[in-house]
Structures are given as structure tokens and as C-alpha cells.
């Protein structure tokens, strides 16, 4: 792969995740402060990610893989996304905001698969070449958070009161328009499937991989994956509003520690996986969710702020040790025949079903612990997902039988 192509793919990844990190992290805080949305309404907005994850396979499997070049679809989706983001920037009412964010996420979620497809199409050895490209996505997410907190100060108490957090949508609309136009200059990635070839709903959703659930161990892993996404939803939905409400300075910028941690633990994962095996690795990932939420429950923005920072920094363990090792396990169990179907099924079950349930539960609990002055009983809110993650940890530890799985990059 030549230098020009590397730059193109790296810049594409940077903008793809700059866009996501530039509005999604602060979404809960924006909705609560600017639109005075309830916990249930905030849950509805976050649930659009899950609906996007459920609908994305249809856009990719029935349209992108069969009729159009991937880079062209990427360009069109981001240009439409730029328009929807600008509409969200101008919105002052949740009922008007919701259709825009739903439409946006239905268009954005497929782009996550498209940027991977465009990248892999240019690589001779993706196992070695993909990581140095994909890391620019993480850098993009981090830069977005730092810009919000330290350059424009949009999440400072004064800016929040003035409603400045809406500018994140304008920033992302501009970035989305740039990526939309830039996408048409990317290397050509033609359709992978002959349009005359019959594709079923079962193929699109990865339902052929349901056969793998006959394996008791895989069934336990599958159910655990769905269940652990319920506490995961609490973090996405509540972390930024929580840190903002209790008065932690530059909360969005500080949350980028989680993405830096993700890169670090991605490097450590092969060592841990090889030494301790799959079951212990995934148990550490589950336990990290419980520890993180307990740190949030009992930390504060004053003398115990280090507990909050540590909770954020655990993101790498929470995500990499569970989800990445889970992808490796799924790949190993599925074999060549069902490899793509199995990964698609796990994504649908976790980011689709699991987090859809999680966002709803998080919204209900957050609303039930709202105080008259507009603040929340955060200690109790965080204890719920901590206890739930601990229960999933115990069930997995008891029921899942240890088996040897080779680490695959």
C-alpha cells in the first residue's frame, strides 16, 4: 500500500470517529440542559444507535455489497448526515430532534462497516496493516473530546448555561460534509456480491450462525454478551451528564482517557490472552464494569476525583478484554463457513438488542432517581449496573467451561 493510500485511509478513519465522538459523548448532557429532556427521552435518543445497528446490515447486505461502490455510498451517507446534523444544531425541542437523530444513526451505523470494507480492499495483509490505519479513528475520537473541552470550552458551566453545547452538532456537520466530499476521492471499492446472486434475510442478519448456539459454551457466551450490554448502556448514556452535573472540570476532555486506555489495553490483550486464556480474560473484562461503576458511585469531583478518572481509564479493560476477546472467540468457534455470519449475529445481539434494552432500563432508573432540584441520586444510579455486571460475571464464571482458544490478531 503506497503512502497516498495510507494517508487517504487514515484521514477517512480520523474523520469517521471524530464525527461520532464529536456529538455522541455529550448527547445526554445536551439533551438534559438544552432541550430539558427526561431520562426516558434521553434513552430514546441513545437507542437510535441500536436501531441503526439493527438496520445497518440491510443497507450493507442488500445495497452496498451488490449495487454501488462502497466509497460512493460512504460519501452520500455522510453528506446526508451533514444535513441532518445541521438540523439537530438548530433544534430546540426534543420531539423535533428525535426524528433527525434517528435518521442520522440509521445512516451513520452502516458507515462503520463501509470504512472497514474500503480499508481491507486496499490491504494485502489486513492482520498487520489494519491496526495502524484504525488507530487514527481512536485519535479522531480523542481529538473531538479535547476540542470540546479545552479549545472551545463548550462543556464548561458557563457555556452549558448559555446553551453552547449545541455547537458540537455544527462542528460535526462540517466534518461530515468534508468526509462526504473526501469519500469520492478514496480508492475504488466495487460491489463484492454479484447482483444476480440471491441474498436472504437470514444471510443479512447472520442467522445461519444460530447453529452455533447448539454449543453450550457459545450459548453461554452469547447470552452473557447480550446481558453485559445492559450495564454498558449506562456508561454511554449517563457518564457525561453525571460528570457534568457533579462539577468535574472539562468532563468531555477527561473522558478521552477512556479511548487512550483502549489503545493501551489493545496492545496488552495478546499477552494477557495468551498467558491466562479466554475465560479469565473475559471475566476480567466483566469485573472491570462492576469496579468502574462502583468507582463512579462513591467518587466525587473533589478529593475523590481520582476514582472518577480511574473509572474512565478502565474503559480499555471493559471494552477490549470483553468485546475484542469475544470477537476472537466467535471467529474461532464459527470457522470459515460461518465467520461473517457469526460476527454479524453477535453485533446485532449486543449493539442492537442488548443495548436497546440497556438504554431503556438506564432511562427508567435515571428518571426514578431524579430529585426536585433537577439533580440525581447518582450513587444509586451507578450501583444498579455495578450489581448487574457482577451477576453476569458470577453466572459466566460458574456456567462457562474453560476451553483453549488461540489468540488471533
Protein backbone atom coordinates (compact mmCIF):
# COMPACT_ATOMS: atom_id res chain seq x y z
CA UNK A 1 0.00 0.00 0.00
CA UNK A 2 1.50 3.34 -1.07
CA UNK A 3 1.81 6.47 1.10
CA UNK A 4 -1.07 8.26 -0.67
CA UNK A 5 -3.48 5.39 0.04
CA UNK A 6 -2.31 5.14 3.66
CA UNK A 7 -2.97 8.87 4.12
CA UNK A 8 -6.41 8.61 2.49
CA UNK A 9 -7.48 5.67 4.67
CA UNK A 10 -6.02 7.22 7.84
CA UNK A 11 -7.78 10.56 7.21
CA UNK A 12 -11.02 8.69 6.47
CA UNK A 13 -10.78 6.82 9.80
CA UNK A 14 -9.88 10.00 11.67
CA UNK A 15 -12.96 11.86 10.40
CA UNK A 16 -15.27 8.83 10.78
CA UNK A 17 -14.64 8.63 14.53
CA UNK A 18 -14.11 12.37 15.07
CA UNK A 19 -17.70 12.67 13.85
CA UNK A 20 -19.04 10.03 16.26
CA UNK A 21 -17.04 11.24 19.26
CA UNK A 22 -17.86 14.87 18.48
CA UNK A 23 -21.53 14.62 19.47
CA UNK A 24 -22.39 11.21 20.93
CA UNK A 25 -20.36 11.59 24.14
CA UNK A 26 -22.08 14.85 25.11
CA UNK A 27 -25.53 13.91 23.74
CA UNK A 28 -27.03 13.16 27.17
CA UNK A 29 -25.75 16.43 28.61
CA UNK A 30 -27.01 18.42 25.60
CA UNK A 31 -30.48 16.87 25.77
CA UNK A 32 -30.77 17.46 29.52
CA UNK A 33 -29.51 21.05 29.52
CA UNK A 34 -30.57 22.46 26.13
CA UNK A 35 -33.79 20.53 25.43
CA UNK A 36 -34.75 19.73 29.06
CA UNK A 37 -35.27 16.11 28.06
CA UNK A 38 -36.24 13.46 30.63
CA UNK A 39 -34.21 10.30 31.28
CA UNK A 40 -36.69 8.35 29.17
CA UNK A 41 -36.32 10.76 26.25
CA UNK A 42 -32.53 10.66 26.53
CA UNK A 43 -32.78 6.84 26.45
CA UNK A 44 -34.86 7.12 23.26
CA UNK A 45 -32.17 9.26 21.63
CA UNK A 46 -29.37 6.86 22.58
CA UNK A 47 -31.45 3.89 21.43
CA UNK A 48 -31.16 5.21 17.88
CA UNK A 49 -27.64 3.70 17.91
CA UNK A 50 -29.21 0.28 18.45
CA UNK A 51 -31.84 0.80 15.73
CA UNK A 52 -29.01 1.88 13.43
CA UNK A 53 -27.07 -1.30 14.29
CA UNK A 54 -30.15 -3.44 13.55
CA UNK A 55 -30.89 -1.74 10.21
CA UNK A 56 -27.24 -1.36 9.05
CA UNK A 57 -26.86 -4.98 7.80
CA UNK A 58 -29.73 -4.42 5.37
CA UNK A 59 -28.10 -1.30 3.90
CA UNK A 60 -24.76 -3.11 3.57
CA UNK A 61 -26.01 -6.58 2.60
CA UNK A 62 -28.84 -5.62 0.26
CA UNK A 63 -27.47 -2.40 -1.29
CA UNK A 64 -23.77 -1.65 -0.69
CA UNK A 65 -22.39 -5.13 -1.35
CA UNK A 66 -24.47 -5.57 -4.52
CA UNK A 67 -25.03 -2.36 -6.47
CA UNK A 68 -22.67 0.52 -5.65
CA UNK A 69 -19.03 1.24 -4.86
CA UNK A 70 -18.50 1.41 -1.10
CA UNK A 71 -16.70 4.78 -1.24
CA UNK A 72 -19.62 6.37 -3.12
CA UNK A 73 -22.20 5.13 -0.62
CA UNK A 74 -19.95 6.39 2.19
CA UNK A 75 -19.86 9.82 0.55
CA UNK A 76 -23.62 10.03 0.04
CA UNK A 77 -24.41 8.85 3.59
CA UNK A 78 -22.09 11.43 5.16
CA UNK A 79 -23.39 14.27 3.01
CA UNK A 80 -26.96 13.48 4.04
CA UNK A 81 -25.65 13.09 7.60
CA UNK A 82 -24.16 16.59 7.46
CA UNK A 83 -27.61 17.98 6.61
CA UNK A 84 -29.27 16.07 9.48
CA UNK A 85 -26.57 17.23 11.91
CA UNK A 86 -27.20 20.84 10.91
CA UNK A 87 -30.90 20.31 11.55
CA UNK A 88 -30.09 18.96 15.04
CA UNK A 89 -27.92 22.03 15.66
CA UNK A 90 -30.94 24.25 15.04
CA UNK A 91 -33.43 22.21 17.08
CA UNK A 92 -34.86 23.47 20.39
CA UNK A 93 -37.46 20.76 21.06
CA UNK A 94 -36.97 17.02 21.65
CA UNK A 95 -39.95 15.94 19.54
CA UNK A 96 -38.36 17.70 16.55
CA UNK A 97 -34.85 16.48 17.45
CA UNK A 98 -35.70 12.78 17.70
CA UNK A 99 -36.60 12.07 14.03
CA UNK A 100 -33.35 13.74 12.93
CA UNK A 101 -31.16 11.73 15.29
CA UNK A 102 -32.97 8.50 14.36
CA UNK A 103 -32.47 9.19 10.66
CA UNK A 104 -28.85 10.12 11.26
CA UNK A 105 -27.97 6.91 13.15
CA UNK A 106 -29.69 4.72 10.56
CA UNK A 107 -27.36 6.33 8.01
CA UNK A 108 -24.23 6.51 10.20
CA UNK A 109 -24.06 2.94 11.57
CA UNK A 110 -23.57 1.37 8.10
CA UNK A 111 -20.59 3.66 7.52
CA UNK A 112 -18.67 1.79 10.24
CA UNK A 113 -18.70 -1.32 8.05
CA UNK A 114 -18.04 0.70 4.88
CA UNK A 115 -14.81 2.31 6.15
CA UNK A 116 -13.55 -1.17 7.13
CA UNK A 117 -14.52 -2.58 3.74
CA UNK A 118 -12.75 0.25 1.88
CA UNK A 119 -9.63 -0.26 4.03
CA UNK A 120 -9.49 -4.06 3.70
CA UNK A 121 -9.90 -3.78 -0.08
CA UNK A 122 -6.51 -1.97 -0.26
CA UNK A 123 -4.62 -4.36 2.03
CA UNK A 124 -2.63 -7.48 1.24
CA UNK A 125 -2.29 -8.46 4.92
CA UNK A 126 -5.10 -6.83 6.97
CA UNK A 127 -3.92 -8.50 10.21
CA UNK A 128 -0.77 -6.35 10.05
CA UNK A 129 -1.91 -3.33 8.05
CA UNK A 130 -5.34 -2.55 9.54
CA UNK A 131 -4.37 -1.57 13.12
CA UNK A 132 -2.05 1.34 12.13
CA UNK A 133 -4.92 2.71 10.00
CA UNK A 134 -7.71 2.08 12.53
CA UNK A 135 -5.81 3.79 15.36
CA UNK A 136 -6.41 7.12 13.58
CA UNK A 137 -10.10 6.58 14.31
CA UNK A 138 -9.38 6.45 18.03
CA UNK A 139 -7.19 9.56 17.68
CA UNK A 140 -10.11 11.30 15.94
CA UNK A 141 -12.48 10.46 18.82
CA UNK A 142 -9.91 11.75 21.34
CA UNK A 143 -9.29 14.99 19.41
CA UNK A 144 -13.04 15.65 19.26
CA UNK A 145 -13.33 15.42 23.04
CA UNK A 146 -10.27 17.60 23.65
CA UNK A 147 -11.55 20.25 21.22
CA UNK A 148 -14.94 20.37 23.01
CA UNK A 149 -13.42 20.70 26.50
CA UNK A 150 -10.12 22.53 26.05
CA UNK A 151 -10.39 24.56 22.82
CA UNK A 152 -13.99 25.78 22.72
CA UNK A 153 -14.88 25.04 26.40
CA UNK A 154 -18.43 24.09 25.35
CA UNK A 155 -18.91 21.81 28.37
CA UNK A 156 -17.86 24.40 30.98
CA UNK A 157 -20.63 25.51 33.43
CA UNK A 158 -20.85 28.97 31.80
CA UNK A 159 -21.08 27.56 28.26
CA UNK A 160 -23.65 24.95 29.29
CA UNK A 161 -25.82 27.68 30.79
CA UNK A 162 -25.54 29.64 27.54
CA UNK A 163 -26.53 26.56 25.52
CA UNK A 164 -23.19 26.40 23.69
CA UNK A 165 -23.09 22.60 23.63
CA UNK A 166 -25.32 22.67 20.54
CA UNK A 167 -22.22 23.78 18.61
CA UNK A 168 -20.97 20.17 18.71
CA UNK A 169 -23.58 19.39 16.04
CA UNK A 170 -22.39 22.25 13.84
CA UNK A 171 -18.77 21.06 14.22
CA UNK A 172 -19.78 17.50 13.29
CA UNK A 173 -21.93 18.70 10.38
CA UNK A 174 -18.86 20.41 8.90
CA UNK A 175 -16.67 17.32 9.49
CA UNK A 176 -19.35 15.09 7.96
CA UNK A 177 -19.58 17.29 4.85
CA UNK A 178 -15.76 17.16 4.50
CA UNK A 179 -15.73 13.35 4.81
CA UNK A 180 -18.67 13.10 2.41
CA UNK A 181 -16.81 15.02 -0.30
CA UNK A 182 -13.46 13.37 0.51
CA UNK A 183 -15.01 9.90 0.18
CA UNK A 184 -15.39 10.37 -3.59
CA UNK A 185 -11.57 10.62 -3.85
CA UNK A 186 -10.98 7.33 -1.99
CA UNK A 187 -9.70 4.20 -3.77
CA UNK A 188 -12.45 2.47 -5.73
CA UNK A 189 -14.15 -0.35 -3.82
CA UNK A 190 -16.58 -2.09 -6.21
CA UNK A 191 -19.52 -4.28 -5.08
CA UNK A 192 -18.39 -7.60 -3.65
CA UNK A 193 -21.50 -9.62 -4.46
CA UNK A 194 -22.96 -10.35 -7.90
CA UNK A 195 -26.32 -8.52 -8.05
CA UNK A 196 -27.89 -11.65 -9.59
CA UNK A 197 -26.84 -13.72 -6.57
CA UNK A 198 -29.76 -14.34 -4.21
CA UNK A 199 -29.35 -12.89 -0.71
CA UNK A 200 -31.80 -13.83 2.04
CA UNK A 201 -32.74 -12.03 5.27
CA UNK A 202 -31.02 -14.92 7.06
CA UNK A 203 -27.76 -14.09 5.23
CA UNK A 204 -28.02 -10.37 6.00
CA UNK A 205 -28.65 -10.81 9.74
CA UNK A 206 -26.18 -13.67 10.16
CA UNK A 207 -28.94 -16.05 11.27
CA UNK A 208 -27.10 -19.00 9.74
CA UNK A 209 -24.77 -18.70 12.74
CA UNK A 210 -27.64 -19.59 15.10
CA UNK A 211 -26.47 -23.19 14.60
CA UNK A 212 -23.50 -22.29 16.82
CA UNK A 213 -25.86 -21.85 19.79
CA UNK A 214 -26.13 -25.65 19.99
CA UNK A 215 -22.66 -25.44 21.56
CA UNK A 216 -23.40 -24.84 25.27
CA UNK A 217 -20.28 -22.73 25.81
CA UNK A 218 -21.06 -20.47 22.86
CA UNK A 219 -24.67 -20.16 24.05
CA UNK A 220 -23.45 -19.02 27.50
CA UNK A 221 -21.08 -16.53 25.86
CA UNK A 222 -23.84 -15.27 23.54
CA UNK A 223 -26.32 -14.67 26.37
CA UNK A 224 -23.60 -13.08 28.53
CA UNK A 225 -22.69 -10.73 25.67
CA UNK A 226 -26.28 -9.52 25.40
CA UNK A 227 -26.60 -9.13 29.19
CA UNK A 228 -23.31 -7.23 29.68
CA UNK A 229 -24.50 -4.65 27.12
CA UNK A 230 -27.24 -3.61 29.55
CA UNK A 231 -24.77 -2.06 32.06
CA UNK A 232 -22.65 -0.82 29.12
CA UNK A 233 -25.60 1.36 28.03
CA UNK A 234 -25.47 3.18 31.40
CA UNK A 235 -21.96 4.42 30.60
CA UNK A 236 -22.77 5.75 27.13
CA UNK A 237 -25.99 7.39 28.30
CA UNK A 238 -25.09 8.72 31.75
CA UNK A 239 -21.32 9.20 32.09
CA UNK A 240 -21.07 12.70 30.59
CA UNK A 241 -24.24 14.08 32.25
CA UNK A 242 -23.03 12.59 35.57
CA UNK A 243 -19.54 14.10 35.39
CA UNK A 244 -21.00 17.44 34.28
CA UNK A 245 -23.68 17.52 36.98
CA UNK A 246 -21.30 16.80 39.86
CA UNK A 247 -18.95 19.56 38.67
CA UNK A 248 -15.89 17.74 37.25
CA UNK A 249 -13.94 20.24 35.12
CA UNK A 250 -13.63 19.53 31.37
CA UNK A 251 -15.61 16.26 31.57
CA UNK A 252 -15.62 15.55 27.82
CA UNK A 253 -11.86 16.04 27.55
CA UNK A 254 -11.26 13.81 30.57
CA UNK A 255 -13.46 11.08 29.06
CA UNK A 256 -10.95 10.76 26.20
CA UNK A 257 -8.71 8.98 28.75
CA UNK A 258 -11.01 6.03 28.06
CA UNK A 259 -10.04 5.96 24.37
CA UNK A 260 -6.31 6.27 25.19
CA UNK A 261 -6.78 3.36 27.59
CA UNK A 262 -8.45 1.39 24.81
CA UNK A 263 -5.33 1.68 22.66
CA UNK A 264 -3.05 0.67 25.55
CA UNK A 265 -5.06 -2.41 26.55
CA UNK A 266 -5.46 -3.45 22.93
CA UNK A 267 -1.66 -3.80 22.91
CA UNK A 268 -1.72 -5.71 26.23
CA UNK A 269 -4.59 -8.01 25.23
CA UNK A 270 -2.47 -10.54 23.25
CA UNK A 271 -0.13 -11.00 26.24
CA UNK A 272 -2.98 -11.41 28.73
CA UNK A 273 -5.00 -13.65 26.40
CA UNK A 274 -2.03 -15.93 25.69
CA UNK A 275 -0.99 -16.23 29.34
CA UNK A 276 -4.36 -16.55 31.08
CA UNK A 277 -6.68 -17.85 28.34
CA UNK A 278 -10.07 -16.74 27.06
CA UNK A 279 -12.25 -17.37 30.12
CA UNK A 280 -10.07 -15.42 32.57
CA UNK A 281 -9.62 -12.58 30.06
CA UNK A 282 -13.34 -12.15 29.53
CA UNK A 283 -14.02 -12.42 33.29
CA UNK A 284 -11.56 -9.59 33.92
CA UNK A 285 -13.46 -7.54 31.31
CA UNK A 286 -16.78 -8.22 33.08
CA UNK A 287 -15.37 -7.47 36.52
CA UNK A 288 -13.99 -4.16 35.23
CA UNK A 289 -17.56 -2.98 34.54
CA UNK A 290 -18.53 -3.61 38.18
CA UNK A 291 -15.42 -1.88 39.51
CA UNK A 292 -15.90 1.11 37.17
CA UNK A 293 -19.47 1.73 38.29
CA UNK A 294 -18.58 1.40 41.97
CA UNK A 295 -15.84 4.00 41.45
CA UNK A 296 -18.44 6.28 39.85
CA UNK A 297 -20.91 5.62 42.69
CA UNK A 298 -18.53 6.54 45.51
CA UNK A 299 -16.16 9.04 43.84
CA UNK A 300 -16.70 12.79 43.64
CA UNK A 301 -15.38 15.88 41.82
CA UNK A 302 -13.31 16.94 44.88
CA UNK A 303 -10.84 14.87 46.90
CA UNK A 304 -12.08 11.59 45.35
CA UNK A 305 -11.88 12.77 41.72
CA UNK A 306 -9.13 10.20 41.16
CA UNK A 307 -11.81 7.49 41.49
CA UNK A 308 -13.75 9.01 38.60
CA UNK A 309 -10.61 9.24 36.45
CA UNK A 310 -9.75 5.62 37.27
CA UNK A 311 -13.29 4.59 36.33
CA UNK A 312 -12.91 6.31 32.96
CA UNK A 313 -9.46 4.77 32.46
CA UNK A 314 -10.92 1.28 32.94
CA UNK A 315 -12.64 1.64 29.56
CA UNK A 316 -9.80 -0.20 27.82
CA UNK A 317 -10.20 -3.24 30.08
CA UNK A 318 -14.00 -3.09 29.93
CA UNK A 319 -14.13 -2.93 26.16
CA UNK A 320 -11.04 -4.76 24.87
CA UNK A 321 -10.98 -7.64 27.32
CA UNK A 322 -14.66 -8.45 26.78
CA UNK A 323 -15.65 -7.36 23.28
CA UNK A 324 -12.39 -7.84 21.37
CA UNK A 325 -11.61 -11.18 23.02
CA UNK A 326 -15.25 -12.11 22.37
CA UNK A 327 -14.80 -11.37 18.66
CA UNK A 328 -11.73 -13.63 18.63
CA UNK A 329 -13.66 -16.40 20.40
CA UNK A 330 -16.58 -16.06 17.94
CA UNK A 331 -14.19 -16.19 14.99
CA UNK A 332 -12.60 -19.37 16.33
CA UNK A 333 -15.88 -21.14 17.06
CA UNK A 334 -17.51 -20.21 13.76
CA UNK A 335 -14.78 -21.38 11.41
CA UNK A 336 -14.57 -20.30 7.77
CA UNK A 337 -18.14 -21.18 6.81
CA UNK A 338 -19.98 -19.04 9.38
CA UNK A 339 -17.28 -16.47 10.24
CA UNK A 340 -19.02 -13.38 8.82
CA UNK A 341 -22.47 -14.56 9.84
CA UNK A 342 -21.35 -15.15 13.44
CA UNK A 343 -19.76 -11.72 13.80
CA UNK A 344 -22.88 -10.14 12.31
CA UNK A 345 -25.12 -12.04 14.71
CA UNK A 346 -23.06 -11.02 17.76
CA UNK A 347 -23.09 -7.36 16.68
CA UNK A 348 -26.85 -7.48 16.14
CA UNK A 349 -27.40 -9.12 19.54
CA UNK A 350 -25.11 -6.79 21.51
CA UNK A 351 -25.25 -3.32 19.93
CA UNK A 352 -28.77 -4.00 18.69
CA UNK A 353 -30.83 -5.95 21.23
CA UNK A 354 -28.63 -5.77 24.37
CA UNK A 355 -28.01 -2.04 24.29
CA UNK A 356 -31.58 -1.27 23.23
CA UNK A 357 -32.75 -2.92 26.46
CA UNK A 358 -29.92 -1.26 28.40
CA UNK A 359 -30.74 2.27 27.24
CA UNK A 360 -34.40 1.81 28.20
CA UNK A 361 -33.52 0.49 31.67
CA UNK A 362 -30.97 3.28 32.21
CA UNK A 363 -33.58 5.88 31.27
CA UNK A 364 -36.16 4.43 33.66
CA UNK A 365 -33.72 4.24 36.59
CA UNK A 366 -32.31 7.73 35.93
CA UNK A 367 -35.83 9.23 35.88
CA UNK A 368 -36.82 7.40 39.07
CA UNK A 369 -33.84 8.91 40.93
CA UNK A 370 -34.35 12.50 39.75
CA UNK A 371 -34.54 14.99 42.63
CA UNK A 372 -36.77 18.09 42.82
CA UNK A 373 -33.83 20.44 42.19
CA UNK A 374 -33.06 18.72 38.87
CA UNK A 375 -30.05 16.73 40.13
CA UNK A 376 -29.87 12.95 40.52
CA UNK A 377 -29.02 10.40 43.20
CA UNK A 378 -26.03 9.22 41.20
CA UNK A 379 -24.72 6.81 43.82
CA UNK A 380 -27.84 4.65 43.48
CA UNK A 381 -27.95 5.02 39.69
CA UNK A 382 -24.43 3.55 39.35
CA UNK A 383 -24.99 0.76 41.88
CA UNK A 384 -27.62 -0.85 39.62
CA UNK A 385 -25.32 -1.56 36.62
CA UNK A 386 -22.48 -2.50 39.02
CA UNK A 387 -24.67 -5.18 40.61
CA UNK A 388 -25.96 -6.37 37.23
CA UNK A 389 -22.44 -6.72 35.79
CA UNK A 390 -21.38 -8.61 38.94
CA UNK A 391 -24.30 -11.03 38.47
CA UNK A 392 -23.30 -11.68 34.83
CA UNK A 393 -19.69 -12.20 36.00
CA UNK A 394 -20.78 -14.85 38.54
CA UNK A 395 -23.05 -16.68 36.09
CA UNK A 396 -20.35 -16.78 33.40
CA UNK A 397 -17.69 -17.93 35.88
CA UNK A 398 -19.88 -20.83 37.04
CA UNK A 399 -21.53 -22.00 33.81
CA UNK A 400 -18.87 -21.40 31.10
CA UNK A 401 -16.49 -24.35 30.85
CA UNK A 402 -12.88 -23.35 30.22
CA UNK A 403 -11.55 -24.14 26.76
CA UNK A 404 -8.31 -23.31 24.99
CA UNK A 405 -8.62 -20.58 22.36
CA UNK A 406 -5.68 -19.34 20.31
CA UNK A 407 -5.19 -15.56 20.12
CA UNK A 408 -5.72 -14.27 16.57
CA UNK A 409 -4.93 -10.65 15.71
